[in-house]
């Protein structure tokens, strides 16, 4: 069997290869606090790429394409995307969002005072902590985005895709709510990413 014909095996082999590389560099693997933090950061980044990558796919590719498909009276329509693509993409999307947030929160909790410092925007620090302020803005933007995924986008997408029963009127309303929530996340992701890298790499302005 060719492992490249599936999604599962490239993921598994990629993780195994990563462990092998880690075992061969800097004296091998050491299961300590530093290693666990590095592991969590790595998983945080991978899940974040899945989350934001799919967010950009939905907003820059799928949603505009659905509009074009709906307007093309002689075309194949959007039924195939709704039936086969959207449910699978939304599965990865929502769980990647949750994994990203949880890994990020765990990472913050590993440095004394960083979790509270970030969520309070560094305002409890004396003087005000610039790294906590920058990271905190990113944390709150990410938290709002997570709420939008699980509280607005996914419940309304279930109505749109027919996963839960809904009238035509309810589906029309659900499309609008899901679109606006997704567009909001698209917008917020740009400053969120800037703030996430800002404390260690500096803001670009």
N, C-alpha and C. Protein backbone atom coordinates (compact mmCIF):
# COMPACT_ATOMS: atom_id res chain seq x y z
N UNK A 1 0.85 -1.20 0.00
CA UNK A 1 0.00 0.00 0.00
C UNK A 1 0.88 1.25 0.00
N UNK A 2 0.56 2.18 -0.87
CA UNK A 2 1.28 3.44 -0.92
C UNK A 2 0.73 4.37 0.16
N UNK A 3 1.55 4.75 1.17
CA UNK A 3 1.04 5.59 2.27
C UNK A 3 0.62 6.98 1.82
N UNK A 4 1.10 7.41 0.66
CA UNK A 4 0.78 8.75 0.18
C UNK A 4 -0.62 8.84 -0.43
N UNK A 5 -1.33 7.71 -0.50
CA UNK A 5 -2.69 7.74 -1.02
C UNK A 5 -3.72 8.03 0.07
N UNK A 6 -3.28 8.15 1.32
CA UNK A 6 -4.19 8.43 2.43
C UNK A 6 -3.75 9.71 3.13
N UNK A 7 -4.60 10.21 4.01
CA UNK A 7 -4.24 11.35 4.86
C UNK A 7 -3.58 10.85 6.15
N UNK A 8 -4.06 9.73 6.64
CA UNK A 8 -3.61 9.21 7.93
C UNK A 8 -2.11 8.92 7.96
N UNK A 9 -1.63 8.19 6.94
CA UNK A 9 -0.25 7.73 6.99
C UNK A 9 0.78 8.84 6.85
N UNK A 10 0.59 9.84 5.99
CA UNK A 10 1.55 10.95 5.99
C UNK A 10 1.62 11.67 7.35
N UNK A 11 0.47 11.79 8.03
CA UNK A 11 0.48 12.39 9.36
C UNK A 11 1.29 11.55 10.34
N UNK A 12 1.02 10.25 10.34
CA UNK A 12 1.72 9.35 11.26
C UNK A 12 3.22 9.35 10.97
N UNK A 13 3.57 9.20 9.70
CA UNK A 13 4.99 9.15 9.32
C UNK A 13 5.66 10.48 9.61
N UNK A 14 4.95 11.58 9.38
CA UNK A 14 5.50 12.90 9.68
C UNK A 14 5.84 13.06 11.15
N UNK A 15 4.94 12.60 12.02
CA UNK A 15 5.20 12.68 13.46
C UNK A 15 6.36 11.76 13.86
N UNK A 16 6.39 10.56 13.30
CA UNK A 16 7.48 9.62 13.61
C UNK A 16 8.81 10.21 13.15
N UNK A 17 8.85 10.77 11.96
CA UNK A 17 10.07 11.39 11.45
C UNK A 17 10.52 12.53 12.34
N UNK A 18 9.57 13.29 12.85
CA UNK A 18 9.88 14.40 13.76
C UNK A 18 10.54 13.88 15.04
N UNK A 19 10.00 12.79 15.58
CA UNK A 19 10.57 12.20 16.79
C UNK A 19 11.99 11.69 16.53
N UNK A 20 12.19 11.08 15.37
CA UNK A 20 13.52 10.58 15.01
C UNK A 20 14.52 11.74 14.92
N UNK A 21 14.10 12.83 14.27
CA UNK A 21 14.97 14.00 14.16
C UNK A 21 15.31 14.55 15.55
N UNK A 22 14.29 14.66 16.40
CA UNK A 22 14.51 15.16 17.76
C UNK A 22 15.46 14.26 18.54
N UNK A 23 15.36 12.94 18.30
CA UNK A 23 16.22 11.98 19.02
C UNK A 23 17.67 12.06 18.56
N UNK A 24 17.89 12.55 17.34
CA UNK A 24 19.25 12.60 16.80
C UNK A 24 19.95 13.94 17.02
N UNK A 25 19.22 14.93 17.49
CA UNK A 25 19.77 16.28 17.64
C UNK A 25 19.96 16.62 19.11
N UNK A 26 21.04 17.29 19.43
CA UNK A 26 21.32 17.78 20.79
C UNK A 26 21.27 16.70 21.85
N UNK A 27 21.84 15.54 21.56
CA UNK A 27 21.95 14.51 22.58
C UNK A 27 20.71 13.67 22.79
N UNK A 28 19.75 13.76 21.91
CA UNK A 28 18.57 12.90 22.02
C UNK A 28 17.44 13.50 22.82
N UNK A 29 16.43 12.66 23.08
CA UNK A 29 15.22 13.11 23.77
C UNK A 29 15.42 13.11 25.28
N UNK A 30 14.93 14.14 25.91
CA UNK A 30 14.95 14.24 27.37
C UNK A 30 13.55 14.65 27.82
N UNK A 31 12.89 13.80 28.54
CA UNK A 31 11.51 14.08 28.94
C UNK A 31 11.50 14.89 30.22
N UNK A 32 11.62 16.20 30.05
CA UNK A 32 11.59 17.13 31.16
C UNK A 32 10.63 18.28 30.83
N UNK A 33 10.59 19.26 31.70
CA UNK A 33 9.65 20.38 31.52
C UNK A 33 9.91 21.13 30.23
N UNK A 34 11.19 21.32 29.90
CA UNK A 34 11.54 22.04 28.68
C UNK A 34 11.07 21.27 27.44
N UNK A 35 11.26 19.95 27.46
CA UNK A 35 10.84 19.13 26.32
C UNK A 35 9.32 19.15 26.16
N UNK A 36 8.60 19.06 27.28
CA UNK A 36 7.14 19.07 27.20
C UNK A 36 6.62 20.41 26.68
N UNK A 37 7.28 21.50 27.09
CA UNK A 37 6.88 22.82 26.60
C UNK A 37 7.14 22.93 25.11
N UNK A 38 8.29 22.40 24.65
CA UNK A 38 8.61 22.42 23.23
C UNK A 38 7.61 21.58 22.43
N UNK A 39 7.23 20.43 23.00
CA UNK A 39 6.25 19.57 22.35
C UNK A 39 4.91 20.28 22.23
N UNK A 40 4.48 20.91 23.31
CA UNK A 40 3.19 21.62 23.30
C UNK A 40 3.23 22.78 22.30
N UNK A 41 4.34 23.49 22.23
CA UNK A 41 4.46 24.61 21.29
C UNK A 41 4.38 24.11 19.85
N UNK A 42 5.04 22.99 19.59
CA UNK A 42 5.03 22.38 18.25
C UNK A 42 3.61 21.99 17.87
N UNK A 43 2.90 21.31 18.77
CA UNK A 43 1.51 20.90 18.50
C UNK A 43 0.59 22.12 18.38
N UNK A 44 0.87 23.14 19.17
CA UNK A 44 0.10 24.39 19.10
C UNK A 44 0.23 25.00 17.70
N UNK A 45 1.44 25.01 17.17
CA UNK A 45 1.68 25.58 15.85
C UNK A 45 1.03 24.73 14.76
N UNK A 46 1.18 23.40 14.85
CA UNK A 46 0.59 22.52 13.83
C UNK A 46 -0.93 22.65 13.81
N UNK A 47 -1.56 22.58 14.97
CA UNK A 47 -3.02 22.70 15.02
C UNK A 47 -3.45 24.10 14.58
N UNK A 48 -2.64 25.12 14.90
CA UNK A 48 -2.95 26.48 14.47
C UNK A 48 -2.90 26.63 12.95
N UNK A 49 -1.94 25.95 12.33
CA UNK A 49 -1.86 25.98 10.86
C UNK A 49 -3.10 25.32 10.25
N UNK A 50 -3.54 24.21 10.83
CA UNK A 50 -4.77 23.56 10.35
C UNK A 50 -5.95 24.52 10.49
N UNK A 51 -6.07 25.13 11.67
CA UNK A 51 -7.21 26.02 11.95
C UNK A 51 -7.22 27.22 11.01
N UNK A 52 -6.14 27.99 11.02
CA UNK A 52 -6.11 29.22 10.24
C UNK A 52 -6.05 28.92 8.75
N UNK A 53 -5.36 27.83 8.38
CA UNK A 53 -5.33 27.45 6.98
C UNK A 53 -6.72 27.17 6.43
N UNK A 54 -7.51 26.44 7.21
CA UNK A 54 -8.89 26.16 6.78
C UNK A 54 -9.75 27.42 6.82
N UNK A 55 -9.52 28.29 7.80
CA UNK A 55 -10.24 29.56 7.85
C UNK A 55 -10.00 30.36 6.58
N UNK A 56 -8.75 30.41 6.14
CA UNK A 56 -8.42 31.15 4.93
C UNK A 56 -8.99 30.45 3.69
N UNK A 57 -8.98 29.12 3.72
CA UNK A 57 -9.58 28.37 2.62
C UNK A 57 -11.07 28.69 2.51
N UNK A 58 -11.78 28.66 3.63
CA UNK A 58 -13.22 28.94 3.60
C UNK A 58 -13.50 30.34 3.04
N UNK A 59 -12.74 31.32 3.52
CA UNK A 59 -13.02 32.71 3.17
C UNK A 59 -12.48 33.14 1.81
N UNK A 60 -11.31 32.61 1.43
CA UNK A 60 -10.70 33.05 0.18
C UNK A 60 -11.06 32.14 -0.99
N UNK A 61 -11.48 30.90 -0.71
CA UNK A 61 -11.70 29.94 -1.80
C UNK A 61 -13.13 29.40 -1.81
N UNK A 62 -13.54 28.69 -0.74
CA UNK A 62 -14.81 27.95 -0.81
C UNK A 62 -16.02 28.86 -0.88
N UNK A 63 -16.12 29.85 0.00
CA UNK A 63 -17.31 30.70 0.01
C UNK A 63 -17.47 31.48 -1.28
N UNK A 64 -16.41 32.13 -1.81
CA UNK A 64 -16.57 32.79 -3.11
C UNK A 64 -16.94 31.80 -4.22
N UNK A 65 -16.35 30.60 -4.18
CA UNK A 65 -16.66 29.60 -5.20
C UNK A 65 -18.12 29.15 -5.12
N UNK A 66 -18.65 29.05 -3.89
CA UNK A 66 -20.06 28.66 -3.73
C UNK A 66 -20.98 29.71 -4.36
N UNK A 67 -20.61 31.00 -4.19
CA UNK A 67 -21.41 32.06 -4.79
C UNK A 67 -21.40 31.98 -6.31
N UNK A 68 -20.22 31.72 -6.89
CA UNK A 68 -20.11 31.57 -8.34
C UNK A 68 -20.90 30.36 -8.81
N UNK A 69 -20.80 29.25 -8.05
CA UNK A 69 -21.52 28.02 -8.43
C UNK A 69 -23.03 28.23 -8.40
N UNK A 70 -23.49 28.99 -7.40
CA UNK A 70 -24.94 29.24 -7.30
C UNK A 70 -25.43 30.10 -8.45
N UNK A 71 -24.57 31.01 -8.93
CA UNK A 71 -24.97 31.91 -10.02
C UNK A 71 -24.87 31.24 -11.39
N UNK A 72 -24.14 30.14 -11.47
CA UNK A 72 -23.96 29.43 -12.75
C UNK A 72 -25.12 28.45 -12.95
N UNK A 73 -26.14 28.89 -13.66
CA UNK A 73 -27.36 28.09 -13.80
C UNK A 73 -27.13 26.78 -14.57
N UNK A 74 -26.14 26.78 -15.45
CA UNK A 74 -25.89 25.57 -16.21
C UNK A 74 -24.78 24.71 -15.64
N UNK A 75 -24.23 25.11 -14.49
CA UNK A 75 -23.10 24.39 -13.90
C UNK A 75 -23.53 23.29 -12.95
N UNK A 76 -22.56 22.65 -12.31
CA UNK A 76 -22.87 21.54 -11.43
C UNK A 76 -23.43 21.95 -10.07
N UNK A 77 -23.37 23.26 -9.74
CA UNK A 77 -23.88 23.71 -8.46
C UNK A 77 -22.91 23.42 -7.32
N UNK A 78 -23.38 23.70 -6.12
CA UNK A 78 -22.52 23.57 -4.94
C UNK A 78 -22.86 22.35 -4.10
N UNK A 79 -23.74 21.49 -4.58
CA UNK A 79 -24.19 20.35 -3.77
C UNK A 79 -23.04 19.43 -3.38
N UNK A 80 -22.11 19.22 -4.30
CA UNK A 80 -20.99 18.33 -4.01
C UNK A 80 -20.11 18.86 -2.90
N UNK A 81 -19.88 20.18 -2.90
CA UNK A 81 -19.08 20.80 -1.83
C UNK A 81 -19.80 20.66 -0.50
N UNK A 82 -21.09 20.95 -0.50
CA UNK A 82 -21.87 20.86 0.75
C UNK A 82 -21.93 19.43 1.29
N UNK A 83 -21.98 18.46 0.39
CA UNK A 83 -22.13 17.07 0.82
C UNK A 83 -20.81 16.42 1.21
N UNK A 84 -19.75 16.68 0.44
CA UNK A 84 -18.51 15.94 0.63
C UNK A 84 -17.35 16.75 1.22
N UNK A 85 -17.24 18.02 0.84
CA UNK A 85 -16.08 18.81 1.25
C UNK A 85 -16.31 19.53 2.57
N UNK A 86 -17.39 20.29 2.67
CA UNK A 86 -17.63 21.14 3.83
C UNK A 86 -17.68 20.38 5.16
N UNK A 87 -18.40 19.25 5.26
CA UNK A 87 -18.43 18.55 6.56
C UNK A 87 -17.05 18.09 7.02
N UNK A 88 -16.24 17.57 6.09
CA UNK A 88 -14.90 17.12 6.45
C UNK A 88 -14.01 18.30 6.84
N UNK A 89 -14.10 19.38 6.07
CA UNK A 89 -13.29 20.56 6.37
C UNK A 89 -13.67 21.16 7.72
N UNK A 90 -14.97 21.19 8.00
CA UNK A 90 -15.43 21.74 9.27
C UNK A 90 -15.04 20.86 10.45
N UNK A 91 -14.94 19.55 10.24
CA UNK A 91 -14.48 18.65 11.30
C UNK A 91 -13.06 19.00 11.72
N UNK A 92 -12.16 19.09 10.74
CA UNK A 92 -10.77 19.47 11.03
C UNK A 92 -10.71 20.88 11.60
N UNK A 93 -11.52 21.76 11.04
CA UNK A 93 -11.52 23.18 11.42
C UNK A 93 -11.85 23.39 12.89
N UNK A 94 -12.96 22.81 13.34
CA UNK A 94 -13.40 23.10 14.71
C UNK A 94 -12.52 22.43 15.75
N UNK A 95 -12.05 21.21 15.48
CA UNK A 95 -11.21 20.54 16.46
C UNK A 95 -9.80 21.11 16.47
N UNK A 96 -9.32 21.56 15.32
CA UNK A 96 -8.02 22.23 15.29
C UNK A 96 -8.08 23.54 16.07
N UNK A 97 -9.21 24.25 15.98
CA UNK A 97 -9.38 25.49 16.74
C UNK A 97 -9.29 25.22 18.23
N UNK A 98 -10.00 24.19 18.69
CA UNK A 98 -9.98 23.86 20.11
C UNK A 98 -8.59 23.42 20.56
N UNK A 99 -7.94 22.57 19.76
CA UNK A 99 -6.59 22.10 20.12
C UNK A 99 -5.60 23.25 20.18
N UNK A 100 -5.71 24.18 19.24
CA UNK A 100 -4.81 25.34 19.23
C UNK A 100 -4.97 26.15 20.51
N UNK A 101 -6.21 26.43 20.88
CA UNK A 101 -6.46 27.24 22.08
C UNK A 101 -5.98 26.52 23.34
N UNK A 102 -6.30 25.24 23.46
CA UNK A 102 -5.92 24.49 24.66
C UNK A 102 -4.41 24.39 24.80
N UNK A 103 -3.71 24.10 23.70
CA UNK A 103 -2.25 24.02 23.75
C UNK A 103 -1.65 25.38 24.10
N UNK A 104 -2.21 26.43 23.54
CA UNK A 104 -1.73 27.78 23.85
C UNK A 104 -1.94 28.13 25.30
N UNK A 105 -3.11 27.80 25.83
CA UNK A 105 -3.39 28.07 27.25
C UNK A 105 -2.45 27.28 28.15
N UNK A 106 -2.20 26.03 27.78
CA UNK A 106 -1.27 25.21 28.59
C UNK A 106 0.12 25.80 28.57
N UNK A 107 0.57 26.26 27.41
CA UNK A 107 1.89 26.88 27.30
C UNK A 107 2.00 28.12 28.20
N UNK A 108 0.96 28.94 28.18
CA UNK A 108 0.97 30.14 29.03
C UNK A 108 1.05 29.76 30.50
N UNK A 109 0.39 28.66 30.87
CA UNK A 109 0.36 28.26 32.28
C UNK A 109 1.70 27.73 32.77
N UNK A 110 2.62 27.42 31.86
CA UNK A 110 3.90 26.85 32.25
C UNK A 110 4.90 27.90 32.72
N UNK A 111 4.65 29.16 32.42
CA UNK A 111 5.51 30.24 32.90
C UNK A 111 4.75 30.99 33.99
N UNK A 112 5.35 31.10 35.13
CA UNK A 112 4.66 31.68 36.28
C UNK A 112 4.14 33.08 35.97
N UNK A 113 2.85 33.26 36.18
CA UNK A 113 2.22 34.55 36.00
C UNK A 113 1.85 34.88 34.57
N UNK A 114 2.25 34.05 33.60
CA UNK A 114 2.02 34.40 32.20
C UNK A 114 0.56 34.23 31.79
N UNK A 115 -0.09 33.19 32.31
CA UNK A 115 -1.50 32.95 31.96
C UNK A 115 -2.35 34.14 32.40
N UNK A 116 -2.25 34.47 33.68
CA UNK A 116 -3.02 35.61 34.21
C UNK A 116 -2.55 36.90 33.57
N UNK A 117 -1.22 37.03 33.41
CA UNK A 117 -0.67 38.24 32.81
C UNK A 117 -1.18 38.49 31.41
N UNK A 118 -1.30 37.42 30.62
CA UNK A 118 -1.79 37.56 29.25
C UNK A 118 -3.27 37.91 29.23
N UNK A 119 -4.07 37.20 30.03
CA UNK A 119 -5.51 37.43 30.01
C UNK A 119 -5.90 38.76 30.65
N UNK A 120 -5.00 39.34 31.45
CA UNK A 120 -5.26 40.67 32.02
C UNK A 120 -4.48 41.75 31.26
N UNK A 121 -3.92 41.38 30.11
CA UNK A 121 -3.22 42.30 29.22
C UNK A 121 -2.02 42.98 29.89
N UNK A 122 -1.45 42.30 30.89
CA UNK A 122 -0.28 42.84 31.57
C UNK A 122 -0.57 44.01 32.48
N UNK A 123 -1.86 44.35 32.64
CA UNK A 123 -2.22 45.54 33.42
C UNK A 123 -2.02 45.35 34.91
N UNK A 124 -1.91 44.09 35.38
CA UNK A 124 -1.67 43.84 36.80
C UNK A 124 -0.18 43.87 37.14
N UNK A 125 0.66 43.93 36.11
CA UNK A 125 2.11 43.97 36.32
C UNK A 125 2.55 45.40 36.61
N UNK A 126 3.61 45.53 37.40
CA UNK A 126 4.18 46.83 37.70
C UNK A 126 5.66 46.83 37.35
N UNK A 127 6.06 47.57 36.31
CA UNK A 127 5.20 48.31 35.39
C UNK A 127 4.43 47.37 34.47
N UNK A 128 3.54 47.93 33.66
CA UNK A 128 2.77 47.11 32.72
C UNK A 128 3.73 46.35 31.82
N UNK A 129 3.50 45.03 31.70
CA UNK A 129 4.37 44.17 30.90
C UNK A 129 4.01 44.27 29.43
N UNK A 130 4.94 44.77 28.63
CA UNK A 130 4.69 44.88 27.18
C UNK A 130 4.51 43.51 26.55
N UNK A 131 5.36 42.49 26.87
CA UNK A 131 5.12 41.16 26.28
C UNK A 131 3.75 40.58 26.65
N UNK A 132 3.33 40.76 27.92
CA UNK A 132 2.01 40.26 28.31
C UNK A 132 0.89 41.03 27.63
N UNK A 133 1.10 42.32 27.40
CA UNK A 133 0.09 43.12 26.71
C UNK A 133 -0.07 42.64 25.27
N UNK A 134 1.05 42.47 24.57
CA UNK A 134 0.99 42.04 23.17
C UNK A 134 0.42 40.62 23.07
N UNK A 135 0.96 39.71 23.88
CA UNK A 135 0.46 38.33 23.87
C UNK A 135 -1.00 38.29 24.29
N UNK A 136 -1.36 39.10 25.26
CA UNK A 136 -2.74 39.12 25.77
C UNK A 136 -3.74 39.54 24.71
N UNK A 137 -3.37 40.53 23.91
CA UNK A 137 -4.26 40.94 22.81
C UNK A 137 -4.48 39.77 21.87
N UNK A 138 -3.38 39.07 21.54
CA UNK A 138 -3.49 37.89 20.68
C UNK A 138 -4.33 36.80 21.30
N UNK A 139 -4.16 36.59 22.62
CA UNK A 139 -4.92 35.57 23.35
C UNK A 139 -6.41 35.88 23.31
N UNK A 140 -6.77 37.13 23.55
CA UNK A 140 -8.18 37.49 23.54
C UNK A 140 -8.79 37.42 22.14
N UNK A 141 -8.01 37.81 21.12
CA UNK A 141 -8.51 37.68 19.76
C UNK A 141 -8.73 36.21 19.42
N UNK A 142 -7.77 35.33 19.81
CA UNK A 142 -7.92 33.90 19.58
C UNK A 142 -9.10 33.30 20.33
N UNK A 143 -9.35 33.81 21.54
CA UNK A 143 -10.48 33.32 22.34
C UNK A 143 -11.81 33.71 21.69
N UNK A 144 -11.89 34.93 21.21
CA UNK A 144 -13.09 35.37 20.48
C UNK A 144 -13.30 34.50 19.25
N UNK A 145 -12.22 34.22 18.55
CA UNK A 145 -12.30 33.38 17.35
C UNK A 145 -12.76 31.97 17.69
N UNK A 146 -12.26 31.42 18.80
CA UNK A 146 -12.70 30.08 19.23
C UNK A 146 -14.19 30.08 19.53
N UNK A 147 -14.66 31.11 20.23
CA UNK A 147 -16.09 31.20 20.53
C UNK A 147 -16.90 31.26 19.23
N UNK A 148 -16.42 32.04 18.26
CA UNK A 148 -17.14 32.14 16.99
C UNK A 148 -17.24 30.78 16.29
N UNK A 149 -16.15 29.99 16.38
CA UNK A 149 -16.15 28.68 15.73
C UNK A 149 -17.21 27.77 16.35
N UNK A 150 -17.16 27.64 17.67
CA UNK A 150 -18.02 26.67 18.36
C UNK A 150 -19.41 27.23 18.70
N UNK A 151 -19.50 28.56 18.89
CA UNK A 151 -20.78 29.14 19.29
C UNK A 151 -21.62 29.66 18.15
N UNK A 152 -20.98 30.01 17.01
CA UNK A 152 -21.72 30.59 15.90
C UNK A 152 -21.55 29.81 14.59
N UNK A 153 -20.32 29.58 14.19
CA UNK A 153 -20.09 28.96 12.88
C UNK A 153 -20.61 27.53 12.83
N UNK A 154 -20.15 26.69 13.75
CA UNK A 154 -20.53 25.28 13.70
C UNK A 154 -22.02 25.04 13.91
N UNK A 155 -22.67 25.64 14.92
CA UNK A 155 -24.12 25.41 15.07
C UNK A 155 -24.92 25.82 13.83
N UNK A 156 -24.52 26.91 13.19
CA UNK A 156 -25.25 27.36 12.01
C UNK A 156 -24.90 26.54 10.77
N UNK A 157 -23.65 26.08 10.67
CA UNK A 157 -23.28 25.21 9.56
C UNK A 157 -24.04 23.88 9.62
N UNK A 158 -24.34 23.41 10.80
CA UNK A 158 -25.12 22.17 10.92
C UNK A 158 -26.51 22.33 10.31
N UNK A 159 -27.08 23.51 10.43
CA UNK A 159 -28.38 23.78 9.81
C UNK A 159 -28.23 23.88 8.30
N UNK A 160 -27.19 24.58 7.84
CA UNK A 160 -26.96 24.77 6.41
C UNK A 160 -26.74 23.44 5.70
N UNK A 161 -25.95 22.56 6.34
CA UNK A 161 -25.59 21.29 5.71
C UNK A 161 -26.62 20.19 5.93
N UNK A 162 -27.68 20.48 6.68
CA UNK A 162 -28.73 19.49 6.90
C UNK A 162 -28.39 18.47 7.97
N UNK A 163 -27.39 18.76 8.78
CA UNK A 163 -27.02 17.84 9.86
C UNK A 163 -28.09 17.89 10.96
N UNK A 164 -28.67 19.08 11.16
CA UNK A 164 -29.82 19.22 12.06
C UNK A 164 -30.96 19.80 11.24
N UNK A 165 -32.21 19.45 11.57
CA UNK A 165 -33.35 19.96 10.79
C UNK A 165 -33.46 21.47 10.89
N UNK A 166 -33.81 22.11 9.78
CA UNK A 166 -34.00 23.57 9.76
C UNK A 166 -34.88 23.92 8.57
N UNK A 167 -35.72 24.93 8.77
CA UNK A 167 -36.56 25.43 7.68
C UNK A 167 -35.70 26.25 6.72
N UNK A 168 -36.27 26.56 5.56
CA UNK A 168 -35.54 27.39 4.59
C UNK A 168 -35.21 28.76 5.19
N UNK A 169 -36.14 29.30 5.96
CA UNK A 169 -35.91 30.59 6.61
C UNK A 169 -34.77 30.49 7.63
N UNK A 170 -34.77 29.41 8.40
CA UNK A 170 -33.70 29.22 9.39
C UNK A 170 -32.35 29.01 8.71
N UNK A 171 -32.36 28.31 7.58
CA UNK A 171 -31.10 28.11 6.84
C UNK A 171 -30.57 29.42 6.29
N UNK A 172 -31.47 30.27 5.80
CA UNK A 172 -31.04 31.56 5.26
C UNK A 172 -30.42 32.42 6.36
N UNK A 173 -31.03 32.41 7.53
CA UNK A 173 -30.48 33.15 8.66
C UNK A 173 -29.15 32.55 9.10
N UNK A 174 -29.07 31.22 9.11
CA UNK A 174 -27.85 30.53 9.51
C UNK A 174 -26.69 30.87 8.57
N UNK A 175 -26.97 30.96 7.28
CA UNK A 175 -25.92 31.31 6.30
C UNK A 175 -25.34 32.68 6.61
N UNK A 176 -26.21 33.62 6.95
CA UNK A 176 -25.75 34.97 7.23
C UNK A 176 -24.90 35.00 8.50
N UNK A 177 -25.37 34.34 9.56
CA UNK A 177 -24.64 34.33 10.83
C UNK A 177 -23.28 33.64 10.66
N UNK A 178 -23.28 32.48 10.00
CA UNK A 178 -22.03 31.74 9.80
C UNK A 178 -21.05 32.54 8.95
N UNK A 179 -21.55 33.21 7.91
CA UNK A 179 -20.68 34.01 7.05
C UNK A 179 -20.05 35.15 7.82
N UNK A 180 -20.87 35.89 8.58
CA UNK A 180 -20.34 37.05 9.30
C UNK A 180 -19.35 36.62 10.40
N UNK A 181 -19.65 35.50 11.05
CA UNK A 181 -18.73 35.01 12.09
C UNK A 181 -17.41 34.57 11.47
N UNK A 182 -17.49 33.91 10.32
CA UNK A 182 -16.28 33.46 9.64
C UNK A 182 -15.48 34.65 9.12
N UNK A 183 -16.16 35.64 8.55
CA UNK A 183 -15.48 36.83 8.06
C UNK A 183 -14.82 37.59 9.22
N UNK A 184 -15.49 37.62 10.36
CA UNK A 184 -14.91 38.26 11.55
C UNK A 184 -13.63 37.55 11.97
N UNK A 185 -13.67 36.22 11.98
CA UNK A 185 -12.47 35.46 12.33
C UNK A 185 -11.35 35.69 11.31
N UNK A 186 -11.71 35.77 10.05
CA UNK A 186 -10.74 36.05 8.99
C UNK A 186 -10.03 37.37 9.26
N UNK A 187 -10.82 38.37 9.60
CA UNK A 187 -10.29 39.70 9.92
C UNK A 187 -9.41 39.66 11.17
N UNK A 188 -9.93 39.03 12.24
CA UNK A 188 -9.21 39.02 13.52
C UNK A 188 -7.93 38.20 13.47
N UNK A 189 -7.89 37.20 12.59
CA UNK A 189 -6.72 36.33 12.53
C UNK A 189 -5.45 37.09 12.15
N UNK A 190 -5.59 38.16 11.39
CA UNK A 190 -4.42 38.89 10.92
C UNK A 190 -3.71 39.61 12.08
N UNK A 191 -4.40 40.44 12.89
CA UNK A 191 -3.72 41.02 14.05
C UNK A 191 -3.40 39.98 15.12
N UNK A 192 -4.22 38.91 15.22
CA UNK A 192 -3.94 37.86 16.20
C UNK A 192 -2.59 37.22 15.94
N UNK A 193 -2.31 36.87 14.69
CA UNK A 193 -1.03 36.26 14.35
C UNK A 193 0.13 37.22 14.60
N UNK A 194 -0.08 38.50 14.31
CA UNK A 194 0.96 39.49 14.59
C UNK A 194 1.29 39.54 16.08
N UNK A 195 0.24 39.53 16.91
CA UNK A 195 0.45 39.61 18.36
C UNK A 195 1.07 38.32 18.90
N UNK A 196 0.74 37.18 18.33
CA UNK A 196 1.28 35.91 18.81
C UNK A 196 2.79 35.83 18.63
N UNK A 197 3.30 36.39 17.54
CA UNK A 197 4.75 36.35 17.31
C UNK A 197 5.44 37.61 17.85
N UNK A 198 4.65 38.62 18.19
CA UNK A 198 5.21 39.90 18.61
C UNK A 198 6.12 39.86 19.83
N UNK A 199 5.75 39.17 20.92
CA UNK A 199 6.59 39.22 22.12
C UNK A 199 8.00 38.68 21.92
N UNK A 200 8.18 37.73 21.01
CA UNK A 200 9.51 37.13 20.81
C UNK A 200 10.20 37.64 19.56
N UNK A 201 9.44 38.05 18.56
CA UNK A 201 10.05 38.46 17.29
C UNK A 201 9.86 39.95 17.00
N UNK A 202 9.09 40.62 17.85
CA UNK A 202 8.86 42.05 17.63
C UNK A 202 7.70 42.31 16.70
N UNK A 203 7.02 43.44 16.93
CA UNK A 203 5.92 43.83 16.05
C UNK A 203 6.51 44.41 14.76
N UNK A 204 5.79 44.25 13.64
CA UNK A 204 6.35 44.68 12.36
C UNK A 204 6.24 46.19 12.12
N UNK A 205 5.67 46.91 13.09
CA UNK A 205 5.48 48.36 12.87
C UNK A 205 6.28 49.14 13.90
